[in-house]
PDB file of all heavy atoms in Angstrom:
ATOM      1  N   ARG A   1      -0.305 -16.368  -8.523  1.00  0.00           N
ATOM      2  CA  ARG A   1      -1.489 -16.072  -7.705  1.00  0.00           C
ATOM      3  C   ARG A   1      -2.570 -15.305  -8.479  1.00  0.00           C
ATOM      4  O   ARG A   1      -3.679 -15.155  -7.987  1.00  0.00           O
ATOM      5  CB  ARG A   1      -1.095 -15.233  -6.485  1.00  0.00           C
ATOM      6  CG  ARG A   1      -0.316 -15.984  -5.429  1.00  0.00           C
ATOM      7  CD  ARG A   1      -0.120 -15.125  -4.188  1.00  0.00           C
ATOM      8  NE  ARG A   1       0.540 -15.879  -3.147  1.00  0.00           N
ATOM      9  CZ  ARG A   1      -0.085 -16.633  -2.251  1.00  0.00           C
ATOM     10  NH1 ARG A   1      -1.397 -16.716  -2.268  1.00  0.00           N
ATOM     11  NH2 ARG A   1       0.586 -17.288  -1.330  1.00  0.00           N
ATOM     12  N   ILE A   2      -2.220 -14.795  -9.662  1.00  0.00           N
ATOM     13  CA  ILE A   2      -3.077 -13.802 -10.315  1.00  0.00           C
ATOM     14  C   ILE A   2      -3.661 -14.351 -11.613  1.00  0.00           C
ATOM     15  O   ILE A   2      -2.942 -14.835 -12.484  1.00  0.00           O
ATOM     16  CB  ILE A   2      -2.278 -12.509 -10.567  1.00  0.00           C
ATOM     17  CG1 ILE A   2      -1.807 -11.932  -9.223  1.00  0.00           C
ATOM     18  CG2 ILE A   2      -3.134 -11.486 -11.316  1.00  0.00           C
ATOM     19  CD1 ILE A   2      -0.770 -10.866  -9.342  1.00  0.00           C
ATOM     20  N   LYS A   3      -4.969 -14.255 -11.723  1.00  0.00           N
ATOM     21  CA  LYS A   3      -5.708 -14.761 -12.886  1.00  0.00           C
ATOM     22  C   LYS A   3      -5.827 -13.697 -13.974  1.00  0.00           C
ATOM     23  O   LYS A   3      -5.594 -13.961 -15.153  1.00  0.00           O
ATOM     24  CB  LYS A   3      -7.093 -15.201 -12.424  1.00  0.00           C
ATOM     25  CG  LYS A   3      -7.976 -15.834 -13.475  1.00  0.00           C
ATOM     26  CD  LYS A   3      -9.228 -16.346 -12.799  1.00  0.00           C
ATOM     27  CE  LYS A   3     -10.117 -17.072 -13.765  1.00  0.00           C
ATOM     28  NZ  LYS A   3     -11.289 -17.635 -13.104  1.00  0.00           N
ATOM     29  N   THR A   4      -6.226 -12.482 -13.591  1.00  0.00           N
ATOM     30  CA  THR A   4      -6.297 -11.370 -14.537  1.00  0.00           C
ATOM     31  C   THR A   4      -5.805 -10.101 -13.848  1.00  0.00           C
ATOM     32  O   THR A   4      -5.745 -10.024 -12.613  1.00  0.00           O
ATOM     33  CB  THR A   4      -7.733 -11.106 -15.056  1.00  0.00           C
ATOM     34  OG1 THR A   4      -8.528 -10.562 -13.995  1.00  0.00           O
ATOM     35  CG2 THR A   4      -8.383 -12.370 -15.591  1.00  0.00           C
ATOM     36  N   LEU A   5      -5.472  -9.123 -14.670  1.00  0.00           N
ATOM     37  CA  LEU A   5      -4.977  -7.835 -14.187  1.00  0.00           C
ATOM     38  C   LEU A   5      -5.835  -6.727 -14.774  1.00  0.00           C
ATOM     39  O   LEU A   5      -6.157  -6.756 -15.968  1.00  0.00           O
ATOM     40  CB  LEU A   5      -3.512  -7.665 -14.618  1.00  0.00           C
ATOM     41  CG  LEU A   5      -2.796  -6.373 -14.250  1.00  0.00           C
ATOM     42  CD1 LEU A   5      -2.641  -6.243 -12.733  1.00  0.00           C
ATOM     43  CD2 LEU A   5      -1.417  -6.328 -14.920  1.00  0.00           C
ATOM     44  N   ILE A   6      -6.205  -5.764 -13.932  1.00  0.00           N
ATOM     45  CA  ILE A   6      -6.983  -4.606 -14.386  1.00  0.00           C
ATOM     46  C   ILE A   6      -6.247  -3.343 -13.938  1.00  0.00           C
ATOM     47  O   ILE A   6      -5.965  -3.181 -12.743  1.00  0.00           O
ATOM     48  CB  ILE A   6      -8.418  -4.608 -13.809  1.00  0.00           C
ATOM     49  CG1 ILE A   6      -9.155  -5.905 -14.173  1.00  0.00           C
ATOM     50  CG2 ILE A   6      -9.199  -3.385 -14.312  1.00  0.00           C
ATOM     51  CD1 ILE A   6      -9.235  -6.913 -13.049  1.00  0.00           C
ATOM     52  N   LEU A   7      -5.934  -2.470 -14.879  1.00  0.00           N
ATOM     53  CA  LEU A   7      -5.219  -1.234 -14.571  1.00  0.00           C
ATOM     54  C   LEU A   7      -6.049  -0.031 -14.993  1.00  0.00           C
ATOM     55  O   LEU A   7      -6.661  -0.040 -16.059  1.00  0.00           O
ATOM     56  CB  LEU A   7      -3.880  -1.184 -15.310  1.00  0.00           C
ATOM     57  CG  LEU A   7      -2.896  -2.323 -15.064  1.00  0.00           C
ATOM     58  CD1 LEU A   7      -1.682  -2.169 -15.968  1.00  0.00           C
ATOM     59  CD2 LEU A   7      -2.461  -2.360 -13.596  1.00  0.00           C
ATOM     60  N   THR A   8      -6.056   0.992 -14.143  1.00  0.00           N
ATOM     61  CA  THR A   8      -6.741   2.241 -14.483  1.00  0.00           C
ATOM     62  C   THR A   8      -5.889   3.408 -13.982  1.00  0.00           C
ATOM     63  O   THR A   8      -5.573   3.506 -12.801  1.00  0.00           O
ATOM     64  CB  THR A   8      -8.177   2.270 -13.903  1.00  0.00           C
ATOM     65  OG1 THR A   8      -8.802   3.493 -14.266  1.00  0.00           O
ATOM     66  CG2 THR A   8      -8.228   2.082 -12.408  1.00  0.00           C
ATOM     67  N   GLY A   9      -5.455   4.255 -14.912  1.00  0.00           N
ATOM     68  CA  GLY A   9      -4.603   5.382 -14.540  1.00  0.00           C
ATOM     69  C   GLY A   9      -3.329   4.945 -13.836  1.00  0.00           C
ATOM     70  O   GLY A   9      -2.860   5.609 -12.915  1.00  0.00           O
ATOM     71  N   SER A  10      -2.733   3.829 -14.267  1.00  0.00           N
ATOM     72  CA  SER A  10      -1.590   3.256 -13.554  1.00  0.00           C
ATOM     73  C   SER A  10      -0.294   3.999 -13.852  1.00  0.00           C
ATOM     74  O   SER A  10      -0.039   4.422 -14.975  1.00  0.00           O
ATOM     75  CB  SER A  10      -1.439   1.781 -13.943  1.00  0.00           C
ATOM     76  OG  SER A  10      -0.311   1.214 -13.314  1.00  0.00           O
ATOM     77  N   SER A  11       0.542   4.118 -12.837  1.00  0.00           N
ATOM     78  CA  SER A  11       1.929   4.511 -13.069  1.00  0.00           C
ATOM     79  C   SER A  11       2.714   3.249 -13.433  1.00  0.00           C
ATOM     80  O   SER A  11       2.168   2.158 -13.489  1.00  0.00           O
ATOM     81  CB  SER A  11       2.510   5.220 -11.846  1.00  0.00           C
ATOM     82  OG  SER A  11       2.449   4.401 -10.691  1.00  0.00           O
ATOM     83  N   GLY A  12       3.993   3.411 -13.690  1.00  0.00           N
ATOM     84  CA  GLY A  12       4.820   2.288 -14.101  1.00  0.00           C
ATOM     85  C   GLY A  12       5.521   2.539 -15.428  1.00  0.00           C
ATOM     86  O   GLY A  12       6.528   1.917 -15.742  1.00  0.00           O
ATOM     87  N   LEU A  13       4.995   3.481 -16.196  1.00  0.00           N
ATOM     88  CA  LEU A  13       5.646   3.911 -17.434  1.00  0.00           C
ATOM     89  C   LEU A  13       5.943   5.403 -17.405  1.00  0.00           C
ATOM     90  O   LEU A  13       7.055   5.843 -17.647  1.00  0.00           O
ATOM     91  CB  LEU A  13       4.761   3.593 -18.646  1.00  0.00           C
ATOM     92  CG  LEU A  13       4.669   2.130 -19.082  1.00  0.00           C
ATOM     93  CD1 LEU A  13       3.694   1.991 -20.247  1.00  0.00           C
ATOM     94  CD2 LEU A  13       6.047   1.591 -19.472  1.00  0.00           C
ATOM     95  N   PHE A  14       4.905   6.178 -17.124  1.00  0.00           N
ATOM     96  CA  PHE A  14       5.040   7.639 -17.084  1.00  0.00           C
ATOM     97  C   PHE A  14       3.903   8.195 -16.252  1.00  0.00           C
ATOM     98  O   PHE A  14       2.777   7.709 -16.317  1.00  0.00           O
ATOM     99  CB  PHE A  14       4.938   8.230 -18.500  1.00  0.00           C
ATOM    100  CG  PHE A  14       4.803   9.734 -18.511  1.00  0.00           C
ATOM    101  CD1 PHE A  14       5.928  10.541 -18.492  1.00  0.00           C
ATOM    102  CD2 PHE A  14       3.551  10.335 -18.511  1.00  0.00           C
ATOM    103  CE1 PHE A  14       5.801  11.933 -18.483  1.00  0.00           C
ATOM    104  CE2 PHE A  14       3.420  11.724 -18.500  1.00  0.00           C
ATOM    105  CZ  PHE A  14       4.556  12.513 -18.488  1.00  0.00           C
ATOM    106  N   GLU A  15       4.224   9.173 -15.438  1.00  0.00           N
ATOM    107  CA  GLU A  15       3.162   9.897 -14.762  1.00  0.00           C
ATOM    108  C   GLU A  15       3.557  11.366 -14.646  1.00  0.00           C
ATOM    109  O   GLU A  15       4.712  11.692 -14.385  1.00  0.00           O
ATOM    110  CB  GLU A  15       2.829   9.313 -13.384  1.00  0.00           C
ATOM    111  CG  GLU A  15       3.966   9.256 -12.388  1.00  0.00           C
ATOM    112  CD  GLU A  15       4.861   8.039 -12.580  1.00  0.00           C
ATOM    113  OE1 GLU A  15       4.540   7.170 -13.406  1.00  0.00           O
ATOM    114  OE2 GLU A  15       5.911   7.984 -11.915  1.00  0.00           O
ATOM    115  N   ASN A  16       2.588  12.226 -14.869  1.00  0.00           N
ATOM    116  CA  ASN A  16       2.776  13.661 -14.741  1.00  0.00           C
ATOM    117  C   ASN A  16       2.408  14.017 -13.314  1.00  0.00           C
ATOM    118  O   ASN A  16       1.256  14.209 -12.989  1.00  0.00           O
ATOM    119  CB  ASN A  16       1.879  14.394 -15.745  1.00  0.00           C
ATOM    120  CG  ASN A  16       1.996  15.890 -15.621  1.00  0.00           C
ATOM    121  OD1 ASN A  16       2.945  16.390 -15.022  1.00  0.00           O
ATOM    122  ND2 ASN A  16       1.043  16.600 -16.179  1.00  0.00           N
ATOM    123  N   GLY A  17       3.419  14.073 -12.450  1.00  0.00           N
ATOM    124  CA  GLY A  17       3.168  14.276 -11.023  1.00  0.00           C
ATOM    125  C   GLY A  17       2.580  15.641 -10.736  1.00  0.00           C
ATOM    126  O   GLY A  17       2.220  16.399 -11.618  1.00  0.00           O
ATOM    127  N   MET A  18       2.525  15.953  -9.477  1.00  0.00           N
ATOM    128  CA  MET A  18       1.894  17.199  -9.056  1.00  0.00           C
ATOM    129  C   MET A  18       2.841  18.395  -9.173  1.00  0.00           C
ATOM    130  O   MET A  18       2.534  19.475  -8.729  1.00  0.00           O
ATOM    131  CB  MET A  18       1.422  17.064  -7.606  1.00  0.00           C
ATOM    132  CG  MET A  18       0.370  15.998  -7.438  1.00  0.00           C
ATOM    133  SD  MET A  18      -1.134  16.339  -8.369  1.00  0.00           S
ATOM    134  CE  MET A  18      -2.246  15.166  -7.625  1.00  0.00           C
ATOM    135  N   GLY A  19       4.022  18.162  -9.740  1.00  0.00           N
ATOM    136  CA  GLY A  19       4.948  19.281  -9.907  1.00  0.00           C
ATOM    137  C   GLY A  19       6.074  19.222  -8.895  1.00  0.00           C
ATOM    138  O   GLY A  19       5.970  18.601  -7.851  1.00  0.00           O
ATOM    139  N   ASP A  20       7.186  19.894  -9.195  1.00  0.00           N
ATOM    140  CA  ASP A  20       8.360  19.822  -8.339  1.00  0.00           C
ATOM    141  C   ASP A  20       8.113  20.377  -6.946  1.00  0.00           C
ATOM    142  O   ASP A  20       8.789  20.009  -5.993  1.00  0.00           O
ATOM    143  CB  ASP A  20       9.520  20.608  -8.981  1.00  0.00           C
ATOM    144  CG  ASP A  20       9.987  19.948 -10.268  1.00  0.00           C
ATOM    145  OD1 ASP A  20       9.734  18.741 -10.431  1.00  0.00           O
ATOM    146  OD2 ASP A  20      10.591  20.651 -11.088  1.00  0.00           O
ATOM    147  N   THR A  21       7.166  21.281  -6.807  1.00  0.00           N
ATOM    148  CA  THR A  21       6.942  21.908  -5.508  1.00  0.00           C
ATOM    149  C   THR A  21       5.910  21.156  -4.675  1.00  0.00           C
ATOM    150  O   THR A  21       5.628  21.538  -3.569  1.00  0.00           O
ATOM    151  CB  THR A  21       6.457  23.357  -5.689  1.00  0.00           C
ATOM    152  OG1 THR A  21       5.238  23.339  -6.428  1.00  0.00           O
ATOM    153  CG2 THR A  21       7.481  24.189  -6.419  1.00  0.00           C
ATOM    154  N   TYR A  22       5.336  20.107  -5.231  1.00  0.00           N
ATOM    155  CA  TYR A  22       4.253  19.409  -4.533  1.00  0.00           C
ATOM    156  C   TYR A  22       4.834  18.348  -3.625  1.00  0.00           C
ATOM    157  O   TYR A  22       5.789  17.695  -3.996  1.00  0.00           O
ATOM    158  CB  TYR A  22       3.319  18.751  -5.559  1.00  0.00           C
ATOM    159  CG  TYR A  22       2.047  18.243  -4.956  1.00  0.00           C
ATOM    160  CD1 TYR A  22       1.005  19.111  -4.678  1.00  0.00           C
ATOM    161  CD2 TYR A  22       1.905  16.915  -4.646  1.00  0.00           C
ATOM    162  CE1 TYR A  22      -0.168  18.648  -4.129  1.00  0.00           C
ATOM    163  CE2 TYR A  22       0.740  16.447  -4.086  1.00  0.00           C
ATOM    164  CZ  TYR A  22      -0.292  17.315  -3.831  1.00  0.00           C
ATOM    165  OH  TYR A  22      -1.453  16.851  -3.274  1.00  0.00           O
ATOM    166  N   PRO A  23       4.281  18.126  -2.437  1.00  0.00           N
ATOM    167  CA  PRO A  23       3.145  18.819  -1.835  1.00  0.00           C
ATOM    168  C   PRO A  23       3.574  20.125  -1.167  1.00  0.00           C
ATOM    169  O   PRO A  23       4.598  20.180  -0.512  1.00  0.00           O
ATOM    170  CB  PRO A  23       2.629  17.829  -0.784  1.00  0.00           C
ATOM    171  CG  PRO A  23       3.384  16.556  -1.007  1.00  0.00           C
ATOM    172  CD  PRO A  23       4.668  16.950  -1.670  1.00  0.00           C
ATOM    173  N   LYS A  24       2.784  21.129  -1.339  1.00  0.00           N
ATOM    174  CA  LYS A  24       3.053  22.460  -0.787  1.00  0.00           C
ATOM    175  C   LYS A  24       2.221  22.613   0.475  1.00  0.00           C
ATOM    176  O   LYS A  24       0.996  22.557   0.442  1.00  0.00           O
ATOM    177  CB  LYS A  24       2.680  23.515  -1.820  1.00  0.00           C
ATOM    178  CG  LYS A  24       3.135  24.916  -1.503  1.00  0.00           C
ATOM    179  CD  LYS A  24       2.876  25.801  -2.721  1.00  0.00           C
ATOM    180  CE  LYS A  24       3.358  27.214  -2.486  1.00  0.00           C
ATOM    181  NZ  LYS A  24       3.082  28.056  -3.644  1.00  0.00           N
ATOM    182  N   ARG A  25       2.893  22.797   1.586  1.00  0.00           N
ATOM    183  CA  ARG A  25       2.194  22.783   2.867  1.00  0.00           C
ATOM    184  C   ARG A  25       1.522  24.126   3.153  1.00  0.00           C
ATOM    185  O   ARG A  25       2.048  25.183   2.838  1.00  0.00           O
ATOM    186  CB  ARG A  25       3.178  22.450   3.990  1.00  0.00           C
ATOM    187  CG  ARG A  25       3.781  21.060   3.869  1.00  0.00           C
ATOM    188  CD  ARG A  25       4.916  20.832   4.836  1.00  0.00           C
ATOM    189  NE  ARG A  25       4.423  20.817   6.215  1.00  0.00           N
ATOM    190  CZ  ARG A  25       5.205  20.904   7.282  1.00  0.00           C
ATOM    191  NH1 ARG A  25       6.495  21.046   7.139  1.00  0.00           N
ATOM    192  NH2 ARG A  25       4.689  20.863   8.495  1.00  0.00           N
ATOM    193  N   GLY A  26       0.338  24.034   3.736  1.00  0.00           N
ATOM    194  CA  GLY A  26      -0.315  25.212   4.272  1.00  0.00           C
ATOM    195  C   GLY A  26      -1.096  26.054   3.293  1.00  0.00           C
ATOM    196  O   GLY A  26      -1.677  27.048   3.681  1.00  0.00           O
ATOM    197  N   ASP A  27      -1.118  25.678   2.013  1.00  0.00           N
ATOM    198  CA  ASP A  27      -1.805  26.472   0.998  1.00  0.00           C
ATOM    199  C   ASP A  27      -3.006  25.676   0.497  1.00  0.00           C
ATOM    200  O   ASP A  27      -2.898  24.847  -0.401  1.00  0.00           O
ATOM    201  CB  ASP A  27      -0.829  26.791  -0.146  1.00  0.00           C
ATOM    202  CG  ASP A  27      -1.419  27.768  -1.158  1.00  0.00           C
ATOM    203  OD1 ASP A  27      -2.663  27.872  -1.220  1.00  0.00           O
ATOM    204  OD2 ASP A  27      -0.642  28.406  -1.881  1.00  0.00           O
ATOM    205  N   ARG A  28      -4.166  25.946   1.073  1.00  0.00           N
ATOM    206  CA  ARG A  28      -5.358  25.153   0.758  1.00  0.00           C
ATOM    207  C   ARG A  28      -5.786  25.332  -0.703  1.00  0.00           C
ATOM    208  O   ARG A  28      -6.209  24.375  -1.342  1.00  0.00           O
ATOM    209  CB  ARG A  28      -6.508  25.527   1.701  1.00  0.00           C
ATOM    210  CG  ARG A  28      -7.754  24.669   1.506  1.00  0.00           C
ATOM    211  CD  ARG A  28      -8.838  25.067   2.495  1.00  0.00           C
ATOM    212  NE  ARG A  28      -8.486  24.716   3.850  1.00  0.00           N
ATOM    213  CZ  ARG A  28      -8.718  23.507   4.392  1.00  0.00           C
ATOM    214  NH1 ARG A  28      -9.293  22.571   3.665  1.00  0.00           N
ATOM    215  NH2 ARG A  28      -8.397  23.251   5.630  1.00  0.00           N
ATOM    216  N   ASP A  29      -5.674  26.555  -1.241  1.00  0.00           N
ATOM    217  CA  ASP A  29      -6.061  26.770  -2.632  1.00  0.00           C
ATOM    218  C   ASP A  29      -5.190  25.954  -3.584  1.00  0.00           C
ATOM    219  O   ASP A  29      -5.671  25.390  -4.570  1.00  0.00           O
ATOM    220  CB  ASP A  29      -5.959  28.258  -3.000  1.00  0.00           C
ATOM    221  CG  ASP A  29      -7.089  29.065  -2.388  1.00  0.00           C
ATOM    222  OD1 ASP A  29      -8.123  28.447  -2.052  1.00  0.00           O
ATOM    223  OD2 ASP A  29      -6.937  30.290  -2.240  1.00  0.00           O
ATOM    224  N   TYR A  30      -3.906  25.875  -3.272  1.00  0.00           N
ATOM    225  CA  TYR A  30      -2.981  25.082  -4.077  1.00  0.00           C
ATOM    226  C   TYR A  30      -3.384  23.607  -4.038  1.00  0.00           C
ATOM    227  O   TYR A  30      -3.435  22.930  -5.068  1.00  0.00           O
ATOM    228  CB  TYR A  30      -1.555  25.264  -3.548  1.00  0.00           C
ATOM    229  CG  TYR A  30      -0.506  24.514  -4.321  1.00  0.00           C
ATOM    230  CD1 TYR A  30       0.099  25.062  -5.445  1.00  0.00           C
ATOM    231  CD2 TYR A  30      -0.111  23.231  -3.923  1.00  0.00           C
ATOM    232  CE1 TYR A  30       1.073  24.375  -6.151  1.00  0.00           C
ATOM    233  CE2 TYR A  30       0.855  22.538  -4.628  1.00  0.00           C
ATOM    234  CZ  TYR A  30       1.443  23.114  -5.736  1.00  0.00           C
ATOM    235  OH  TYR A  30       2.397  22.424  -6.431  1.00  0.00           O
ATOM    236  N   ILE A  31      -3.682  23.120  -2.838  1.00  0.00           N
ATOM    237  CA  ILE A  31      -4.084  21.722  -2.665  1.00  0.00           C
ATOM    238  C   ILE A  31      -5.395  21.450  -3.397  1.00  0.00           C
ATOM    239  O   ILE A  31      -5.569  20.405  -4.029  1.00  0.00           O
ATOM    240  CB  ILE A  31      -4.214  21.364  -1.162  1.00  0.00           C
ATOM    241  CG1 ILE A  31      -2.850  21.518  -0.458  1.00  0.00           C
ATOM    242  CG2 ILE A  31      -4.772  19.961  -0.980  1.00  0.00           C
ATOM    243  CD1 ILE A  31      -1.737  20.683  -1.031  1.00  0.00           C
ATOM    244  N   ARG A  32      -6.315  22.411  -3.342  1.00  0.00           N
ATOM    245  CA  ARG A  32      -7.585  22.240  -4.053  1.00  0.00           C
ATOM    246  C   ARG A  32      -7.340  22.091  -5.565  1.00  0.00           C
ATOM    247  O   ARG A  32      -7.896  21.206  -6.209  1.00  0.00           O
ATOM    248  CB  ARG A  32      -8.512  23.426  -3.794  1.00  0.00           C
ATOM    249  CG  ARG A  32      -9.861  23.302  -4.510  1.00  0.00           C
ATOM    250  CD  ARG A  32     -10.726  24.526  -4.275  1.00  0.00           C
ATOM    251  NE  ARG A  32     -10.978  24.742  -2.859  1.00  0.00           N
ATOM    252  CZ  ARG A  32     -11.861  24.044  -2.136  1.00  0.00           C
ATOM    253  NH1 ARG A  32     -12.563  23.083  -2.712  1.00  0.00           N
ATOM    254  NH2 ARG A  32     -12.023  24.305  -0.863  1.00  0.00           N
TER     255      ARG A  32
END
């Protein structure tokens, strides 16, 4: 079905997530 593929900032190999504690509820500064 696919003619070409475009990837930007894609996961699938490695991603540096938001950290083990993320998402942290109720802390707006942390979320910011």
